[in-house]
Amino acid sequence: MEQFLHFLVTEMEEPGVISWWHFIALIPIISGAILIPYFLKNTTEKIYKRVLLISWIVLLVLEVFKQIVKSYHYGDSPYWEYSYRDFPFSLCSMIYYFIPIILFVNKEKHPKIVDAAIGYLCFIAVMAGIVVLVYPTMATSRLVYINIQTFIHHGSQVILGIFIYVWNRKTINIKTFYRSMIAFVITVVIAIIINISFYPHFINMFFINPMITTNLPIGNVVQEKAGYPVFLIGFLSLIALMSYLTYLVETSIYKLAQKKKAKMANDQQGL
């Protein structure tokens, strides 16, 4: 077991924003974000849920190993100390909690709950995943396993979010976005409770722990100069705005595809 843990904590040069590791990792992610939704857009509900379930299990297993790697300290005298800062309730960890809602909550009995989960993964998770993939330095490490898990995780949340949108494209509307915002507020409240409950351990879920200064670029300056309430409102408003822009982009692409499809149908009828 110890040898396996030593293997997981193999070190490398930490990937930068512009590095060979970054570019190589983006190739399969971009390809998957295009090809998987395209080929599975009209698949059956059974296959749709099977894809989500298998993906969820794989990501969860990788997350378990991440927790082990982050908490295992090797050396001459190896020891275990849980890494509270890596507790899986970050903005990008919500995929672990919302996929089960889509899979196991009865949509006919609780349509708004399922719709909120769909919206969260389609808009908020996709937006957050793209941000990390574009600027990965806050999620990367000198540990090989962490870098692999980081790109698989954030790449998957983008791919799955787009896939979920495409599969549910006919039922998604502005209400889906509003419901995702309600779900977002709930997760923010839970994150703040977790942050306060685990203090003084360094834990900063959603980067909004009121007990410490955020480590977000610019955000830390705002919090120090203008205070926590201003930072919190500004940060959450920024996430809401970026999520709304993600909704607009996805919806616009769908409408454009529909218009193109209708035009092609009209052209064929005119022949």
Protein backbone atom coordinates (compact mmCIF):
# COMPACT_ATOMS: atom_id res chain seq x y z
CA MET A 1 0.00 0.00 0.00
CA GLU A 2 2.82 2.38 0.91
CA GLN A 3 4.53 1.75 -2.43
CA PHE A 4 1.27 2.50 -4.23
CA LEU A 5 0.95 5.79 -2.35
CA HIS A 6 4.53 6.68 -3.25
CA PHE A 7 3.65 6.04 -6.89
CA LEU A 8 0.66 8.39 -6.66
CA VAL A 9 2.79 11.20 -5.26
CA THR A 10 5.39 11.08 -8.04
CA GLU A 11 6.46 14.65 -8.78
CA MET A 12 6.84 16.63 -11.99
CA GLU A 13 7.27 20.24 -13.03
CA GLU A 14 4.02 22.03 -12.23
CA PRO A 15 2.10 22.73 -15.47
CA GLY A 16 1.74 26.37 -16.42
CA VAL A 17 -1.00 28.13 -18.35
CA ILE A 18 0.99 27.75 -21.55
CA SER A 19 2.75 24.39 -21.35
CA TRP A 20 2.91 21.13 -23.25
CA TRP A 21 0.89 19.40 -20.49
CA HIS A 22 -1.85 22.03 -20.75
CA PHE A 23 -2.17 21.78 -24.53
CA ILE A 24 -2.06 17.98 -24.59
CA ALA A 25 -4.77 17.81 -21.92
CA LEU A 26 -7.04 20.20 -23.82
CA ILE A 27 -7.04 18.14 -27.04
CA PRO A 28 -9.16 15.20 -25.78
CA ILE A 29 -11.33 17.55 -23.69
CA ILE A 30 -12.25 19.77 -26.64
CA SER A 31 -12.76 16.72 -28.84
CA GLY A 32 -15.00 15.08 -26.23
CA ALA A 33 -17.01 18.26 -25.68
CA ILE A 34 -17.85 18.28 -29.40
CA LEU A 35 -18.13 14.61 -30.33
CA ILE A 36 -19.89 13.06 -27.32
CA PRO A 37 -22.85 15.49 -27.26
CA TYR A 38 -23.09 15.34 -31.08
CA PHE A 39 -23.27 11.55 -31.36
CA LEU A 40 -25.37 11.04 -28.22
CA LYS A 41 -27.78 13.95 -28.59
CA ASN A 42 -30.69 11.70 -29.56
CA THR A 43 -29.77 8.64 -27.55
CA THR A 44 -32.26 6.87 -25.29
CA GLU A 45 -32.81 7.89 -21.66
CA LYS A 46 -31.32 4.56 -20.59
CA ILE A 47 -28.02 5.25 -22.37
CA TYR A 48 -28.10 8.91 -21.27
CA LYS A 49 -28.32 7.91 -17.62
CA ARG A 50 -25.83 5.09 -18.07
CA VAL A 51 -23.24 7.55 -19.41
CA LEU A 52 -23.84 9.84 -16.43
CA LEU A 53 -23.68 6.98 -13.93
CA ILE A 54 -20.43 5.50 -15.28
CA SER A 55 -18.85 8.95 -15.50
CA TRP A 56 -19.95 9.76 -11.95
CA ILE A 57 -18.47 6.53 -10.56
CA VAL A 58 -15.15 7.04 -12.37
CA LEU A 59 -14.88 10.65 -11.19
CA LEU A 60 -15.79 9.68 -7.64
CA VAL A 61 -13.09 6.99 -7.54
CA LEU A 62 -10.52 9.47 -8.85
CA GLU A 63 -11.64 11.94 -6.18
CA VAL A 64 -11.16 9.36 -3.42
CA PHE A 65 -7.58 8.80 -4.57
CA LYS A 66 -7.09 12.57 -4.72
CA GLN A 67 -8.15 12.84 -1.08
CA ILE A 68 -5.66 10.11 -0.18
CA VAL A 69 -2.83 11.74 -2.12
CA LYS A 70 -3.51 15.16 -0.59
CA SER A 71 -3.63 13.78 2.95
CA TYR A 72 -0.75 11.30 2.78
CA HIS A 73 2.60 12.85 3.65
CA TYR A 74 5.50 10.68 2.62
CA GLY A 75 9.16 10.88 3.53
CA ASP A 76 11.40 9.29 6.12
CA SER A 77 8.45 9.18 8.53
CA PRO A 78 5.22 9.00 6.47
CA TYR A 79 2.06 10.18 8.24
CA TRP A 80 -1.59 10.89 7.52
CA GLU A 81 -3.20 14.29 8.11
CA TYR A 82 -6.45 15.10 6.33
CA SER A 83 -6.23 18.03 3.92
CA TYR A 84 -9.28 20.12 4.86
CA ARG A 85 -8.62 22.58 2.06
CA ASP A 86 -9.39 19.78 -0.41
CA PHE A 87 -12.70 18.78 1.14
CA PRO A 88 -14.95 17.91 -1.84
CA PHE A 89 -17.48 20.71 -1.65
CA SER A 90 -15.95 23.23 -4.01
CA LEU A 91 -17.79 24.85 -6.90
CA CYS A 92 -16.32 22.23 -9.23
CA SER A 93 -17.21 19.36 -6.89
CA MET A 94 -20.95 19.89 -7.31
CA ILE A 95 -20.96 17.34 -10.12
CA TYR A 96 -20.69 14.65 -7.40
CA TYR A 97 -23.93 15.85 -5.79
CA PHE A 98 -26.08 16.89 -8.74
CA ILE A 99 -25.57 13.93 -11.08
CA PRO A 100 -27.26 11.59 -8.53
CA ILE A 101 -30.24 13.98 -8.46
CA ILE A 102 -30.59 13.66 -12.23
CA LEU A 103 -30.18 9.89 -12.02
CA PHE A 104 -32.31 8.97 -9.05
CA VAL A 105 -34.88 11.71 -8.38
CA ASN A 106 -38.19 11.11 -10.13
CA LYS A 107 -38.51 13.91 -12.68
CA GLU A 108 -42.28 13.53 -12.97
CA LYS A 109 -42.78 13.97 -9.22
CA HIS A 110 -40.05 16.57 -8.66
CA PRO A 111 -39.50 18.32 -12.03
CA LYS A 112 -38.19 21.57 -10.53
CA ILE A 113 -35.53 19.81 -8.45
CA VAL A 114 -34.25 17.81 -11.40
CA ASP A 115 -34.40 20.89 -13.62
CA ALA A 116 -32.32 22.84 -11.08
CA ALA A 117 -29.69 20.07 -11.07
CA ILE A 118 -29.64 20.03 -14.87
CA GLY A 119 -29.21 23.80 -14.97
CA TYR A 120 -26.44 23.76 -12.37
CA LEU A 121 -24.39 21.27 -14.38
CA CYS A 122 -25.18 22.85 -17.77
CA PHE A 123 -24.38 26.44 -16.85
CA ILE A 124 -22.49 26.84 -13.57
CA ALA A 125 -20.38 23.67 -13.79
CA VAL A 126 -19.55 24.21 -17.46
CA MET A 127 -18.55 27.81 -16.78
CA ALA A 128 -16.40 26.87 -13.77
CA GLY A 129 -14.78 24.00 -15.65
CA ILE A 130 -13.87 26.22 -18.58
CA VAL A 131 -12.32 28.81 -16.26
CA VAL A 132 -10.09 26.17 -14.65
CA LEU A 133 -9.13 24.64 -17.99
CA VAL A 134 -8.17 28.04 -19.38
CA TYR A 135 -6.33 29.09 -16.22
CA PRO A 136 -5.44 25.83 -14.40
CA THR A 137 -2.72 27.06 -12.05
CA MET A 138 -5.01 27.11 -8.98
CA ALA A 139 -5.88 23.44 -9.52
CA THR A 140 -2.55 21.99 -10.64
CA SER A 141 0.33 20.71 -8.52
CA ARG A 142 3.79 19.19 -8.65
CA LEU A 143 2.15 15.80 -8.16
CA VAL A 144 1.53 13.85 -11.38
CA TYR A 145 -1.68 12.24 -10.13
CA ILE A 146 -3.23 15.54 -9.08
CA ASN A 147 -2.56 17.04 -12.52
CA ILE A 148 -4.09 14.04 -14.27
CA GLN A 149 -7.13 14.05 -11.97
CA THR A 150 -7.56 17.82 -12.31
CA PHE A 151 -7.81 17.77 -16.09
CA ILE A 152 -9.97 14.64 -16.17
CA HIS A 153 -12.33 16.09 -13.58
CA HIS A 154 -12.73 19.59 -15.00
CA GLY A 155 -12.73 18.32 -18.56
CA SER A 156 -15.46 15.83 -17.68
CA GLN A 157 -17.64 18.44 -16.01
CA VAL A 158 -17.51 20.52 -19.19
CA ILE A 159 -18.16 17.54 -21.47
CA LEU A 160 -20.96 16.15 -19.29
CA GLY A 161 -22.51 19.59 -18.80
CA ILE A 162 -22.71 20.15 -22.55
CA PHE A 163 -23.96 16.59 -23.06
CA ILE A 164 -26.71 17.11 -20.45
CA TYR A 165 -27.72 20.37 -22.14
CA VAL A 166 -27.84 18.85 -25.61
CA TRP A 167 -29.84 15.84 -24.47
CA ASN A 168 -32.34 18.05 -22.59
CA ARG A 169 -32.23 20.86 -25.14
CA LYS A 170 -35.97 20.78 -25.91
CA THR A 171 -37.02 21.31 -22.29
CA ILE A 172 -34.34 23.74 -21.09
CA ASN A 173 -35.38 27.39 -20.88
CA ILE A 174 -34.79 30.50 -18.78
CA LYS A 175 -36.63 28.89 -15.84
CA THR A 176 -33.94 26.21 -15.81
CA PHE A 177 -31.36 28.94 -15.31
CA TYR A 178 -33.37 30.57 -12.51
CA ARG A 179 -33.72 27.23 -10.73
CA SER A 180 -30.00 26.61 -11.07
CA MET A 181 -29.41 29.95 -9.34
CA ILE A 182 -31.62 28.89 -6.44
CA ALA A 183 -29.60 25.67 -6.18
CA PHE A 184 -26.42 27.76 -6.35
CA VAL A 185 -27.52 29.95 -3.43
CA ILE A 186 -28.28 26.82 -1.38
CA THR A 187 -24.81 25.39 -2.07
CA VAL A 188 -23.24 28.75 -1.17
CA VAL A 189 -24.99 28.72 2.22
CA ILE A 190 -23.83 25.13 2.82
CA ALA A 191 -20.27 26.09 1.81
CA ILE A 192 -20.22 28.99 4.27
CA ILE A 193 -21.50 26.72 7.06
CA ILE A 194 -18.77 24.16 6.27
CA ASN A 195 -16.12 26.88 6.19
CA ILE A 196 -17.11 28.25 9.60
CA SER A 197 -17.65 24.81 11.15
CA PHE A 198 -14.17 23.53 10.25
CA TYR A 199 -12.32 26.74 11.19
CA PRO A 200 -9.45 27.13 12.21
CA HIS A 201 -8.55 24.36 9.76
CA PHE A 202 -7.69 25.93 6.41
CA ILE A 203 -10.83 25.25 4.45
CA ASN A 204 -12.18 27.67 1.88
CA MET A 205 -15.07 26.12 -0.03
CA PHE A 206 -16.19 28.30 -2.96
CA PHE A 207 -13.33 30.67 -1.92
CA ILE A 208 -15.77 32.50 0.41
CA ASN A 209 -14.69 31.62 3.95
CA PRO A 210 -15.54 34.73 6.05
CA MET A 211 -12.86 33.77 8.57
CA ILE A 212 -9.92 34.11 6.19
CA THR A 213 -8.90 36.22 3.20
CA THR A 214 -9.71 34.55 -0.11
CA ASN A 215 -6.84 33.39 -2.27
CA LEU A 216 -8.57 34.45 -5.47
CA PRO A 217 -6.60 36.95 -7.59
CA ILE A 218 -8.20 40.42 -7.32
CA GLY A 219 -10.77 38.96 -4.93
CA ASN A 220 -8.26 39.05 -2.08
CA VAL A 221 -7.60 42.75 -2.74
CA VAL A 222 -11.34 43.53 -2.82
CA GLN A 223 -11.90 41.66 0.45
CA GLU A 224 -9.02 43.43 2.18
CA LYS A 225 -9.92 46.91 0.92
CA ALA A 226 -13.74 46.83 0.80
CA GLY A 227 -14.58 44.09 3.29
CA TYR A 228 -16.04 40.60 3.14
CA PRO A 229 -19.69 41.53 2.33
CA VAL A 230 -18.64 43.52 -0.75
CA PHE A 231 -16.33 40.73 -1.90
CA LEU A 232 -19.02 38.07 -1.36
CA ILE A 233 -21.72 39.95 -3.25
CA GLY A 234 -19.31 40.83 -6.06
CA PHE A 235 -17.94 37.30 -6.40
CA LEU A 236 -21.34 35.60 -6.37
CA SER A 237 -22.71 38.18 -8.82
CA LEU A 238 -19.78 37.48 -11.14
CA ILE A 239 -20.47 33.73 -11.05
CA ALA A 240 -24.16 34.35 -11.73
CA LEU A 241 -23.31 36.63 -14.66
CA MET A 242 -20.81 34.19 -16.18
CA SER A 243 -23.29 31.34 -15.75
CA TYR A 244 -25.98 33.40 -17.48
CA LEU A 245 -23.60 34.11 -20.36
CA THR A 246 -22.95 30.36 -20.57
CA TYR A 247 -26.72 29.82 -20.76
CA LEU A 248 -27.00 32.41 -23.54
CA VAL A 249 -24.15 30.87 -25.55
CA GLU A 250 -25.52 27.33 -25.28
CA THR A 251 -29.04 28.48 -26.11
CA SER A 252 -27.87 30.58 -29.04
CA ILE A 253 -25.94 27.65 -30.52
CA TYR A 254 -29.01 25.43 -30.18
CA LYS A 255 -31.29 28.02 -31.83
CA LEU A 256 -28.78 28.54 -34.62
CA ALA A 257 -28.65 24.78 -35.22
CA GLN A 258 -32.45 24.65 -35.29
CA LYS A 259 -32.63 27.45 -37.86
CA LYS A 260 -30.02 25.75 -40.02
CA LYS A 261 -31.92 22.47 -39.78
CA ALA A 262 -35.20 24.17 -40.72
CA LYS A 263 -33.55 25.95 -43.65
CA MET A 264 -32.12 22.69 -44.97
CA ALA A 265 -35.54 21.06 -44.68
CA ASN A 266 -37.16 23.93 -46.60
CA ASP A 267 -34.50 23.76 -49.29
CA GLN A 268 -35.08 20.03 -49.73
CA GLN A 269 -38.82 20.58 -50.05
CA GLY A 270 -38.23 23.21 -52.69
CA LEU A 271 -36.28 20.76 -54.88
